[in-house]
Amino acid sequence: MNLTVYVESLGCSKNLIDAEIMLGILNKYGYKLTTNKNNADAIIVNTCGFIESAKEESINKIIELGQLKQQRLKVLIVSGCLGERYHQELIEELPEVDAVVGTGGYDAILDVIHETLKGNRVVQIGNIDKMFNEDLPRYQTTPSYSTYIKISDGCDNFCTYCIIPKLRGKYRSRRIENIVKEAKELVAKGVKEIILIAQDTARYGIDLYDEYRLPQLLKELNEIDGLEWIRLLYAYPEMISDDLINAMASLDKVCHYLDMPIQHCSDEVLKRMNRRTSKEQLENLINKLRKSIPDMVIRTSLIVGFPGETEEDFLELKNFVEEIKFDKLGVFEYSIEEGTPAAKLPNQVEQKVKEVRRNAIMELQQEISLVKNNNKIGNVVKVLVEENLDDNEYIGRTQGDAPEIDGLVYVQSKEALKEGDLIMVKVTGALEYDLMGEKIDEFGK
C-alpha cells in the first residue's frame, strides 16, 4: 500500500495511545507514515470531546486539515471522543469529512480507509465497552526514552460534570501480565520512563480481580531491568490506599510523584459533583502522603465555577490551596456539557466569574511554586535529558515533573549529553515553574 498517512492526535495521553495503535496497524500493513501533513494522502484527526475548549480545538483542526483536500489529500477521517459523541453532526455539517471512527472502532481503521477510497462515507461508532486487544501493534510517537502505558479504559465514577463514561464505556482493566509484557518490550527498545495512565489508575484491577491491584502491578514493573522511572497519573484520592502509598514509598523505580485530581474541597460542591471524598478526607490523605514520602510531589486539578459554587465556596477552595501548597496544580473553568447531570443543575456561574476565579487560583499557585522552587536551590536532583539547546545547555526533567504538563530543568554541562541520559544536577536558580542547574559527577563536582 503506497498511501501516505498523517495522524494528528489531540487531547489526553490516553487518546494518544489509541492514535499510536492506529499508526501501528497502518505501519504493519504497509502504509507510509508521515509527520508532514502536506505530504499526506490520508489524514486522521484523533479528537477530544471532553470540555468545550477541547471540542473547539478539535473542530478547528478538522476544518484546517480539511482544506488540504484542495491539494493532494484524498481522505479525512475523524476519530476519538468527538467522533463518538457527535458522529451525526460531523457527517452532516462537514462535507470534507469522509469517515467518523468512535472510541471503540480504532482497530477497524484499515477497513474504514478502504471504504473511503471507494468513495463511501463511513461511520464506525459504538462498542465502547470493547476489551483492549493485546495483539494490536503500537507505533510509539513519544521520545524513545519515555512513553505511556494504558492500564485500563473507561470509567465507573460518573462525576456529574463528565461525559467520559458515555464515550469510553465502563472501567476495564488489562491483565497484569499483559501490561508487564508491554513494558518489557518498550524497555528493550530503549524506554527508561513508563507513565501509567487510565481514567482512574488507583481503581486498577477491581473489575478483573475483585480487588485493587495497582500496588502489585507497581511491584512487578519495578523488577524490570533497564527501567528507571515509573510514573503514576490520574489517581482518584478515594482509592489511594495504604498499600499503594507503601508501594510508592518502598519501590525504588516508582517516582515520588502523584497526579491526584481532587476538583474541589468544599463538601457541598464535591457532593454535587458526585465526588466520593470530603475536605477532611483530602487533608488527611495529603498529610499521610507527605508523612510517608517526605519528598512526594503532588499534582492536582481543580474546577472553578461549578453550578452553585458560591463566593464562600470559592474562598474555601482558595484558602485550601494556600494551606496545602500543592507542588503542581491546574485549574479548569467549569464547562457545561450536554448529556451530563451537572448541565441541568440550577445556579450556573457566569463565565466572567469563572475566569476571575481561575486566574486568582493560578496566580496564587504561581507564588507557591516559586517559593518551592527557590527552596530547591543548592539541592542535587536527578534529571532526564530531553533536548540540546546549544553546545553547553540542555533541557530535562526531574522525577517530580511529568512531560508536557510540568516544569523543566535548564542544565549547563561541559560535556556532551544525549537525549535520554540520566544525570545529576545541582540546582543553581529557579523560576516560577522551572529550575536551572549544572551537571555534576557522582563526587559532586
Foldseek 3Di string as FASTA:
>chain_A
DAFEEEEAEDDDQVLVQLVQLLVQVCVVVPYHYDPDLLPGQEYEYAADDKFDVRVVVSVVVQVVSLVSVVPRHQAYEYEEQCLQVCVPCCVVPPVSHQEGYAPQGSVCVVVCVVQVVVVHRYYHYDPLVDADDLPGGGHDPDPLAEGEDEQWEADDQQFQQTPGCVRRNYIGGDDLVSSLVVLLVSLVSNHQEYEYDYQALLQHPCVPPVDGCSLVSLVSNLPRPNHAAYEYAHHELVSCDPSNLVSCLPRRRYQLEYEYAPQFADQVVCVNRSHDDHNVSVVVSLVVSCVSPVPRAYEYEYEPQQAPCDPVRLVVRLVVCLVSLHLHYYYDYRGQDPPGNSVPDPRGGDPVVSVVSRVSSVVSNLVSQQVVQVVQQQPKFKWQWAADPDDFWTKTDGSHADPPRAEIEIEGEPDDDDHGDIFIWHWHADHSTYTYTYTDHPVRD
